[in-house]
Protein backbone atom coordinates (compact mmCIF):
# COMPACT_ATOMS: atom_id res chain seq x y z
CA MET A 1 -23.21 -92.08 60.40
CA THR A 2 -22.15 -93.24 64.10
CA ASN A 3 -24.88 -95.43 65.97
CA LYS A 4 -25.82 -93.70 69.55
CA LEU A 5 -27.02 -96.22 71.11
CA THR A 6 -25.49 -100.00 72.60
CA VAL A 7 -28.33 -102.30 73.47
CA VAL A 8 -26.99 -104.48 76.00
CA ILE A 9 -28.41 -107.73 76.94
CA CYS A 10 -26.14 -110.19 79.63
CA SER A 11 -27.31 -113.67 80.40
CA ASN A 12 -26.81 -117.27 81.00
CA ARG A 13 -29.67 -118.31 79.43
CA LEU A 14 -28.97 -118.61 75.37
CA GLU A 15 -32.41 -120.33 74.92
CA LYS A 16 -34.04 -116.95 76.56
CA VAL A 17 -32.22 -114.73 74.67
CA GLU A 18 -33.10 -116.60 71.10
CA LYS A 19 -36.38 -116.89 72.10
CA TYR A 20 -36.91 -113.26 73.10
CA SER A 21 -34.80 -110.21 73.30
CA LEU A 22 -32.05 -110.97 70.72
CA LYS A 23 -35.02 -112.39 68.47
CA LYS A 24 -36.81 -109.36 68.58
CA LEU A 25 -34.09 -107.01 68.39
CA LEU A 26 -32.77 -108.69 65.16
CA GLU A 27 -36.30 -108.30 63.53
CA ILE A 28 -35.71 -104.14 63.32
CA THR A 29 -34.57 -103.17 60.49
CA ASP A 30 -35.41 -98.98 60.51
CA ILE A 31 -33.41 -97.23 63.09
CA GLU A 32 -29.37 -98.16 63.46
CA PHE A 33 -28.12 -99.59 66.47
CA ASN A 34 -25.51 -101.92 68.14
CA ILE A 35 -25.88 -105.01 69.76
CA LEU A 36 -23.91 -106.69 72.84
CA LEU A 37 -24.61 -109.66 73.94
CA ILE A 38 -22.49 -110.75 76.99
CA LEU A 39 -23.11 -114.51 78.19
CA ASP A 40 -21.33 -115.48 81.45
CA ARG A 41 -18.73 -118.64 80.06
CA ASN A 42 -20.70 -121.08 81.60
CA THR A 43 -23.97 -120.75 79.79
CA SER A 44 -26.12 -123.71 79.35
CA ASN A 45 -26.76 -124.78 75.81
CA LEU A 46 -24.37 -122.90 74.11
CA ASN A 47 -25.09 -122.93 70.38
CA ASN A 48 -22.37 -121.76 68.15
CA ASP A 49 -24.31 -122.08 65.27
CA TYR A 50 -26.62 -119.95 66.14
CA LEU A 51 -24.30 -117.19 67.74
CA GLU A 52 -21.92 -117.19 64.24
CA SER A 53 -25.64 -116.59 62.29
CA VAL A 54 -26.38 -113.74 64.10
CA SER A 55 -26.27 -109.91 62.19
CA SER A 56 -22.95 -107.93 61.99
CA ASN A 57 -24.51 -105.23 64.39
CA THR A 58 -24.55 -107.85 67.10
CA ARG A 59 -21.19 -108.14 69.22
CA ILE A 60 -20.93 -111.41 71.42
CA ILE A 61 -18.83 -111.78 74.26
CA LEU A 62 -18.31 -115.07 76.33
CA SER A 63 -17.21 -113.48 79.48
CA ASN A 64 -14.75 -114.53 82.38
CA ARG A 65 -16.69 -112.88 85.55
CA THR A 66 -19.30 -114.27 87.55
CA GLY A 67 -22.66 -112.74 88.09
CA LEU A 68 -25.29 -110.10 86.99
CA SER A 69 -22.92 -107.22 87.96
CA GLY A 70 -19.91 -108.30 86.59
CA LEU A 71 -21.86 -108.83 83.22
CA ARG A 72 -22.81 -105.27 83.72
CA ASN A 73 -19.84 -103.46 84.40
CA GLN A 74 -18.37 -105.34 81.30
CA ALA A 75 -20.69 -103.86 79.53
CA LEU A 76 -19.94 -100.65 80.74
CA GLU A 77 -16.07 -100.98 79.84
CA GLU A 78 -17.19 -102.48 76.36
CA CYS A 79 -19.68 -99.88 75.25
CA LYS A 80 -18.54 -96.73 73.19
CA THR A 81 -21.73 -95.15 71.90
CA ASP A 82 -23.50 -92.10 73.85
CA TYR A 83 -26.25 -94.40 75.16
CA ILE A 84 -26.70 -98.16 76.92
CA LEU A 85 -29.90 -99.35 77.23
CA PHE A 86 -29.64 -102.70 79.21
CA ILE A 87 -32.54 -105.27 78.69
CA ASP A 88 -33.00 -108.67 80.59
CA ASP A 89 -33.18 -111.88 77.83
CA ASP A 90 -36.58 -112.09 78.12
CA VAL A 91 -37.82 -108.62 77.25
CA GLU A 92 -38.75 -107.95 73.89
CA ILE A 93 -38.34 -104.31 73.03
CA ASP A 94 -39.59 -102.92 69.34
CA SER A 95 -38.34 -100.32 67.22
CA ASN A 96 -40.59 -97.75 68.84
CA GLY A 97 -39.03 -98.67 71.78
CA LEU A 98 -35.74 -98.16 70.94
CA LYS A 99 -36.91 -94.75 69.17
CA GLU A 100 -38.36 -93.50 73.02
CA VAL A 101 -34.88 -94.34 74.25
CA ILE A 102 -33.15 -92.15 71.77
CA LYS A 103 -35.75 -89.50 72.00
CA ASN A 104 -35.51 -89.39 75.61
CA LEU A 105 -31.84 -89.39 75.82
CA ASP A 106 -31.58 -86.77 73.10
CA SER A 107 -33.51 -84.85 75.42
CA GLY A 108 -31.46 -84.51 78.41
CA ILE A 109 -32.92 -87.19 80.53
CA ASP A 110 -30.25 -89.33 82.19
CA ILE A 111 -31.26 -92.24 83.04
CA TYR A 112 -34.83 -93.90 81.25
CA GLY A 113 -37.15 -96.56 81.41
CA LEU A 114 -39.99 -97.97 79.75
CA ARG A 115 -42.92 -99.72 81.81
CA LEU A 116 -42.94 -103.37 81.99
CA ILE A 117 -45.82 -105.27 81.28
CA LEU A 118 -46.55 -108.73 80.67
CA GLY A 119 -46.08 -110.62 77.55
CA ASN A 120 -46.78 -114.11 78.53
CA ASN A 121 -50.22 -115.16 80.32
CA LYS A 122 -52.04 -112.65 82.30
CA ASN A 123 -53.68 -115.12 84.14
CA LEU A 124 -50.26 -116.12 86.27
CA SER A 125 -50.68 -112.51 87.52
CA LYS A 126 -53.92 -112.71 89.67
CA ARG A 127 -53.14 -115.19 92.11
CA TRP A 128 -54.73 -114.64 95.35
CA TYR A 129 -51.35 -113.32 97.06
CA LEU A 130 -50.17 -111.29 94.20
CA THR A 131 -51.81 -108.07 94.30
CA ASP A 132 -50.47 -104.70 92.64
CA ASN A 133 -48.46 -104.29 95.69
CA GLN A 134 -46.13 -107.08 94.88
CA LYS A 135 -45.79 -107.12 91.24
CA HIS A 136 -42.58 -105.35 91.41
CA TYR A 137 -40.76 -108.27 92.41
CA ILE A 138 -41.79 -109.92 89.35
CA ALA A 139 -40.24 -107.11 87.63
CA ILE A 140 -43.86 -105.63 86.25
CA HIS A 141 -44.98 -102.21 86.97
CA SER A 142 -48.43 -101.42 88.24
CA ASP A 143 -50.11 -98.86 88.24
CA LEU A 144 -48.82 -97.69 91.77
CA GLU A 145 -45.29 -97.52 90.57
CA LYS A 146 -44.88 -94.20 89.12
CA LYS A 147 -41.07 -93.42 89.19
CA ALA A 148 -39.35 -96.60 89.49
CA VAL A 149 -36.65 -97.70 86.39
CA TRP A 150 -35.50 -101.62 86.76
CA GLY A 151 -33.14 -103.37 85.58
CA ALA A 152 -34.74 -105.27 82.96
CA CYS A 153 -35.08 -102.47 80.52
CA MET A 154 -32.92 -99.19 82.07
CA SER A 155 -30.83 -96.82 79.19
CA PHE A 156 -28.72 -94.03 80.24
CA ASN A 157 -26.08 -91.31 79.01
CA LYS A 158 -23.15 -93.48 78.70
CA LYS A 159 -20.96 -90.15 78.50
CA ASN A 160 -22.34 -88.67 82.17
CA ILE A 161 -21.77 -91.95 83.88
CA ASP A 162 -18.17 -92.10 82.60
CA LYS A 163 -17.89 -88.88 84.19
CA TYR A 164 -17.95 -90.35 87.45
CA ASN A 165 -16.86 -93.85 87.18
CA VAL A 166 -19.99 -95.32 88.69
CA THR A 167 -20.16 -99.22 88.45
CA PHE A 168 -22.88 -101.90 89.72
CA SER A 169 -22.24 -103.14 92.88
CA GLU A 170 -21.06 -106.83 93.07
CA LYS A 171 -21.66 -106.75 96.92
CA LEU A 172 -25.55 -107.09 95.88
CA GLU A 173 -25.28 -108.65 92.75
CA ARG A 174 -27.60 -111.75 91.40
CA VAL A 175 -25.45 -114.94 90.75
CA GLY A 176 -26.98 -117.89 88.88
CA ASN A 177 -30.52 -118.50 91.16
CA LYS A 178 -29.52 -116.91 94.09
CA LEU A 179 -31.96 -113.79 94.59
CA ILE A 180 -30.05 -111.81 96.65
CA SER A 181 -30.22 -108.94 94.45
CA GLY A 182 -30.65 -105.33 93.80
CA GLU A 183 -27.39 -103.78 92.08
CA ASP A 184 -29.76 -102.34 89.41
CA THR A 185 -31.56 -99.67 91.92
CA HIS A 186 -28.53 -98.86 93.86
CA PHE A 187 -26.65 -98.08 90.48
CA ILE A 188 -29.68 -95.86 89.69
CA ASN A 189 -30.03 -93.95 92.85
CA THR A 190 -25.90 -93.53 93.26
CA LEU A 191 -26.61 -91.31 90.07
CA ILE A 192 -29.48 -89.62 91.21
CA LYS A 193 -27.60 -88.71 94.08
CA LEU A 194 -24.81 -87.17 91.76
CA GLY A 195 -27.74 -85.29 90.32
CA PHE A 196 -28.72 -87.51 87.20
CA SER A 197 -32.50 -86.94 86.16
CA ARG A 198 -34.93 -89.87 85.98
CA LYS A 199 -37.96 -91.04 83.98
CA LEU A 200 -40.10 -93.72 83.59
CA ASP A 201 -42.29 -93.90 80.89
CA GLU A 202 -46.08 -94.30 81.83
CA GLU A 203 -47.46 -94.79 78.34
CA LYS A 204 -44.66 -96.44 76.37
CA PHE A 205 -44.15 -100.11 77.47
CA VAL A 206 -42.22 -103.29 77.04
CA LEU A 207 -43.04 -107.17 76.87
CA HIS A 208 -41.74 -109.18 79.62
CA TYR A 209 -41.96 -112.96 79.80
CA VAL A 210 -41.82 -113.83 83.03
CA ASP A 211 -40.96 -117.06 83.92
CA LYS A 212 -43.78 -118.84 85.22
CA ASN A 213 -42.14 -120.55 88.25
CA ARG A 214 -41.48 -117.08 89.67
CA PHE A 215 -45.37 -116.18 90.24
CA LYS A 216 -45.46 -119.59 92.49
CA PHE A 217 -46.01 -118.55 96.09
CA THR A 218 -43.03 -120.35 97.36
CA ARG A 219 -40.82 -118.44 95.19
CA LEU A 220 -42.30 -115.26 96.02
CA THR A 221 -41.62 -116.00 99.47
CA SER A 222 -37.98 -116.62 98.36
CA ARG A 223 -37.76 -113.42 96.29
CA ILE A 224 -39.38 -110.60 99.60
CA PHE A 225 -37.43 -112.52 102.17
CA SER A 226 -34.29 -112.10 99.65
CA GLN A 227 -35.41 -108.18 99.30
CA GLY A 228 -35.09 -108.11 103.19
CA ARG A 229 -31.83 -109.16 103.05
CA SER A 230 -30.60 -106.93 100.21
CA GLU A 231 -31.80 -103.18 101.98
CA ILE A 232 -29.52 -104.40 104.55
CA LYS A 233 -26.58 -105.10 102.20
CA ARG A 234 -27.68 -101.62 100.50
CA ASN A 235 -27.52 -99.98 104.34
CA ASN A 236 -31.08 -99.31 103.53
CA PHE A 237 -32.92 -100.73 106.63
CA PHE A 238 -35.36 -97.70 106.78
CA GLY A 239 -35.61 -97.01 103.67
CA GLY A 240 -36.04 -100.39 102.89
CA LEU A 241 -38.54 -100.97 105.48
CA ILE A 242 -40.64 -97.44 105.21
CA LYS A 243 -40.70 -98.32 101.36
CA GLU A 244 -42.20 -101.74 101.89
CA PHE A 245 -45.03 -100.56 103.77
CA ALA A 246 -46.19 -97.79 101.86
CA ARG A 247 -46.07 -100.75 98.42
CA ASN A 248 -48.36 -103.31 100.90
CA PHE A 249 -50.30 -100.62 102.62
CA ARG A 250 -51.91 -98.65 99.50
CA SER A 251 -54.64 -100.65 98.81
CA LYS A 252 -58.13 -100.06 100.87
CA SER A 253 -59.49 -103.74 100.96
CA PHE A 254 -58.96 -105.52 104.07
CA SER A 255 -58.10 -109.01 102.31
CA LYS A 256 -55.10 -107.36 100.18
CA ILE A 257 -54.19 -105.16 103.56
CA ILE A 258 -53.76 -108.94 105.17
CA ILE A 259 -51.99 -110.02 102.21
CA GLY A 260 -49.45 -106.80 102.83
CA LEU A 261 -48.95 -107.46 106.31
CA PHE A 262 -48.25 -111.16 105.28
CA TRP A 263 -45.26 -110.00 102.97
CA CYS A 264 -44.10 -107.15 105.09
CA THR A 265 -43.27 -109.82 107.68
CA ILE A 266 -41.49 -111.88 105.37
CA PHE A 267 -39.52 -108.43 104.36
CA VAL A 268 -38.67 -107.84 108.02
CA TRP A 269 -37.82 -111.45 108.51
CA GLY A 270 -35.30 -110.95 105.66
CA ASN A 271 -33.59 -108.14 107.15
CA PHE A 272 -33.13 -109.59 110.86
CA TYR A 273 -31.50 -112.57 109.46
CA GLU A 274 -29.17 -110.41 107.17
CA ILE A 275 -28.59 -108.21 110.16
CA ILE A 276 -27.93 -111.62 112.38
CA ASN A 277 -25.81 -112.95 109.28
CA LYS A 278 -23.88 -110.03 109.18
CA LEU A 279 -23.27 -110.16 113.39
CA VAL A 280 -22.24 -113.64 113.06
CA THR A 281 -19.45 -112.74 110.09
CA SER A 282 -18.28 -110.15 112.24
CA LEU A 283 -17.55 -112.30 115.04
CA LYS A 284 -15.60 -115.26 112.52
CA ARG A 285 -12.23 -114.57 111.61
CA LYS A 286 -11.73 -112.43 108.19
CA GLN A 287 -10.75 -115.25 106.22
CA VAL A 288 -10.96 -115.59 102.40
CA LEU A 289 -10.68 -119.23 101.30
CA PHE A 290 -9.58 -119.71 97.96
CA ILE A 291 -10.47 -123.68 96.40
CA CYS A 292 -9.13 -125.36 93.59
CA THR A 293 -8.78 -129.33 92.99
CA GLY A 294 -5.25 -129.68 93.77
CA ASN A 295 -4.60 -126.56 95.64
CA TYR A 296 -1.05 -126.36 93.62
CA TYR A 297 -1.94 -123.85 91.03
CA ARG A 298 -5.00 -121.42 90.85
CA SER A 299 -5.65 -121.70 94.78
CA ARG A 300 -2.40 -120.77 95.47
CA TYR A 301 -1.82 -118.18 93.47
CA ALA A 302 -5.18 -116.67 94.45
CA GLU A 303 -4.47 -116.86 98.32
CA ILE A 304 -1.10 -115.19 98.02
CA TYR A 305 -2.08 -112.40 95.41
CA PHE A 306 -4.94 -111.55 97.40
CA ASN A 307 -2.68 -111.36 100.64
CA GLU A 308 0.18 -109.44 99.23
CA HIS A 309 -2.52 -106.97 97.87
CA ILE A 310 -5.06 -106.40 100.47
CA LYS A 311 -2.31 -105.08 102.73
CA LEU A 312 -2.46 -102.07 100.52
CA LYS A 313 -6.05 -101.65 102.02
CA ASN A 314 -5.01 -102.22 106.34
CA LYS A 315 -7.73 -104.36 106.33
CA LYS A 316 -7.34 -107.56 108.55
CA ILE A 317 -8.25 -109.83 106.38
CA LYS A 318 -6.12 -113.22 105.09
CA ALA A 319 -6.59 -115.68 102.67
CA ILE A 320 -6.16 -119.34 102.67
CA SER A 321 -6.39 -122.04 100.24
CA ARG A 322 -7.66 -125.48 100.05
CA GLY A 323 -7.85 -128.50 97.59
CA MET A 324 -10.97 -131.04 97.01
CA TRP A 325 -8.83 -133.54 95.47
CA LEU A 326 -4.78 -133.80 96.16
CA ASP A 327 -3.76 -137.11 94.91
CA ASN A 328 -2.61 -135.97 91.81
CA PRO A 329 1.12 -137.85 91.12
CA GLU A 330 1.91 -134.68 88.99
CA ASN A 331 1.99 -131.92 91.26
CA VAL A 332 5.68 -131.65 92.81
CA GLY A 333 6.60 -129.62 95.27
CA PRO A 334 4.58 -127.22 97.54
CA MET A 335 2.97 -125.36 94.69
CA SER A 336 2.99 -125.01 90.55
CA ILE A 337 6.00 -123.59 89.03
CA ASN A 338 3.24 -121.40 87.04
CA ALA A 339 1.90 -120.23 89.91
CA GLU A 340 5.83 -119.05 91.23
CA LYS A 341 6.22 -117.42 87.88
CA GLN A 342 3.47 -115.25 87.78
CA LEU A 343 3.90 -114.35 91.47
CA ILE A 344 7.65 -113.78 90.03
CA LYS A 345 6.41 -111.74 86.78
CA ASP A 346 3.57 -109.78 89.44
CA GLY A 347 6.59 -108.37 91.52
CA ILE A 348 5.90 -110.39 94.49
CA ASP A 349 8.71 -112.03 96.51
CA ILE A 350 7.86 -115.26 97.12
CA SER A 351 11.65 -116.23 98.39
CA GLY A 352 10.40 -115.66 102.20
CA LEU A 353 7.19 -116.86 101.71
CA LYS A 354 6.82 -120.26 103.87
CA LEU A 355 5.15 -122.69 100.85
CA LYS A 356 3.19 -125.07 102.31
CA TYR A 357 2.11 -128.68 100.77
CA PRO A 358 -1.56 -128.47 99.61
CA LYS A 359 -4.12 -129.43 102.02
CA LEU A 360 -7.58 -130.94 101.83
CA LEU A 361 -10.58 -128.88 102.44
CA SER A 362 -11.95 -129.54 105.62
CA TYR A 363 -16.04 -128.36 106.94
CA ARG A 364 -13.70 -126.63 109.32
CA ASP A 365 -12.09 -124.25 106.75
CA LEU A 366 -15.49 -123.64 105.37
CA ARG A 367 -17.15 -122.32 108.96
CA LYS A 368 -14.47 -120.38 109.72
CA SER A 369 -14.33 -118.35 106.33
CA TYR A 370 -16.87 -115.92 105.32
CA ILE A 371 -16.14 -115.74 101.81
CA VAL A 372 -15.59 -118.92 99.86
CA ILE A 373 -15.00 -119.14 96.08
CA ALA A 374 -14.17 -122.46 93.83
CA LEU A 375 -12.00 -121.12 91.18
CA ASP A 376 -13.74 -122.88 88.43
CA ASP A 377 -17.18 -123.11 88.39
CA LYS A 378 -17.63 -126.21 85.27
CA GLU A 379 -15.10 -128.24 86.97
CA HIS A 380 -15.67 -127.76 90.77
CA ARG A 381 -19.57 -126.62 90.98
CA SER A 382 -20.75 -130.25 90.97
CA MET A 383 -17.60 -131.50 92.88
CA PHE A 384 -18.36 -129.15 96.22
CA SER A 385 -21.91 -129.99 95.79
CA ASP A 386 -21.28 -133.89 96.02
CA LYS A 387 -18.96 -133.44 98.94
CA TYR A 388 -20.08 -130.41 100.79
CA PRO A 389 -23.83 -130.03 100.14
CA LYS A 390 -24.52 -128.06 103.70
CA TYR A 391 -22.29 -125.35 101.89
CA ASP A 392 -22.76 -125.30 98.14
CA LYS A 393 -25.41 -122.19 97.88
CA ASP A 394 -22.22 -120.13 99.86
CA VAL A 395 -19.81 -120.53 97.47
CA LEU A 396 -19.09 -117.88 94.81
CA PHE A 397 -17.70 -119.99 91.07
CA TRP A 398 -15.10 -118.07 88.99
CA ASN A 399 -14.02 -119.22 85.49
CA ALA A 400 -10.51 -119.63 85.66
CA LYS A 401 -9.33 -123.41 83.96
CA ASP A 402 -7.07 -125.78 84.80
CA VAL A 403 -3.68 -125.89 82.77
CA ALA A 404 -5.37 -129.17 80.48
CA GLU A 405 -8.21 -126.53 79.63
CA SER A 406 -6.69 -123.25 78.97
CA THR A 407 -2.62 -121.69 79.24
CA PRO A 408 -1.13 -120.42 82.90
CA ASP A 409 -1.56 -116.52 81.48
CA GLU A 410 -4.67 -116.55 80.23
CA SER A 411 -6.51 -118.53 83.70
CA LEU A 412 -3.87 -116.48 86.23
CA LEU A 413 -4.84 -113.37 84.23
CA ILE A 414 -8.36 -114.36 85.19
CA VAL A 415 -7.88 -114.88 88.61
CA LYS A 416 -5.66 -112.12 89.12
CA ASN A 417 -8.61 -109.70 87.61
CA GLU A 418 -11.11 -111.62 90.15
CA VAL A 419 -8.94 -110.87 93.01
CA LYS A 420 -8.66 -107.52 92.15
CA ARG A 421 -12.10 -107.04 92.34
CA LEU A 422 -12.79 -109.05 95.27
CA ILE A 423 -10.29 -106.72 97.00
CA ASP A 424 -12.02 -103.80 95.28
CA ASN A 425 -15.67 -104.84 97.01
CA ILE A 426 -14.23 -105.80 100.48
């Protein structure tokens, strides 16, 4: 019998996967299902011995994609079963939970989620500033949340998703520790607008072992501020505002209303910050900046490929490229022959281009660019933080390796695919 369900875990924290989500799934023996574990290639403490020891129904992908949306979209592409269930790396679901997923999706429900309750120390949620009105910010369902299905535990009829080719928005995704997010809500709302049915099971639940740092006042403030920004990114200013005020003023307790007023103020601050940020960005020159070490190979390929293909979108955006260290005696001429060969293979005529010699990255380049991308997370993140600490939080890091670590065919294919995704999301 072919398995109906694939359970997907997307993560960059193998220690959480080992301790919670995957560990619990591997204990289930009374139901047939597939497991798809998609790890960011730069996952910390990558334990290959552990990965090789997991069961045969577990498929593991070390992904070159960046951000949670990128990993989830890859899961949608890879999943071949009728149903797909996404769980976070710190969520535990048991056999009964999986049976409920299959039963509800079999019954015709398109989107199904189980309630998320706190699996670790219950006292963590009893902070004076964290009322039931704010528990959704730590992905815990309170009695006030009657319908919301969240990304920590959400399942779908995959066949119906494929009909409409809906994907997770990479404009809203969470990358690393950045808190701008909302890709799960946006994805679900898009499906609902297409007529998909949704159900949050109020009786069945899964355990969410939330990191204790997420309960800190400063962390919660950052999270709510970021949620305000996310609503603007989703073009949902009024909807988000109404939802936030409704959540925070449902209590009859005066003290909770005061707390709610404070959090609403933080949320609105996030709204206006993002509005101003969008305004400033629109006044900037529409420029994408690609960065690698020598501005000789990967970034040059990305720049030319981007500029050739953005023309087809009729958008007034251009790309430039820069390097952080130009003193490599092996870099002869204006651009790597490997980049030239690949561009020719891609059908791009470079004979008419005035190829400039590599240029060093400057603060002026960073100020003028509204999208900044460094080509290899492992190679460039620390280098960027050391040289340009003021801007390191604004950089998107890809995973295209230099020639010493990967062949040109492999690296430039990663760059090409990432550039295509970037253009689709601009």
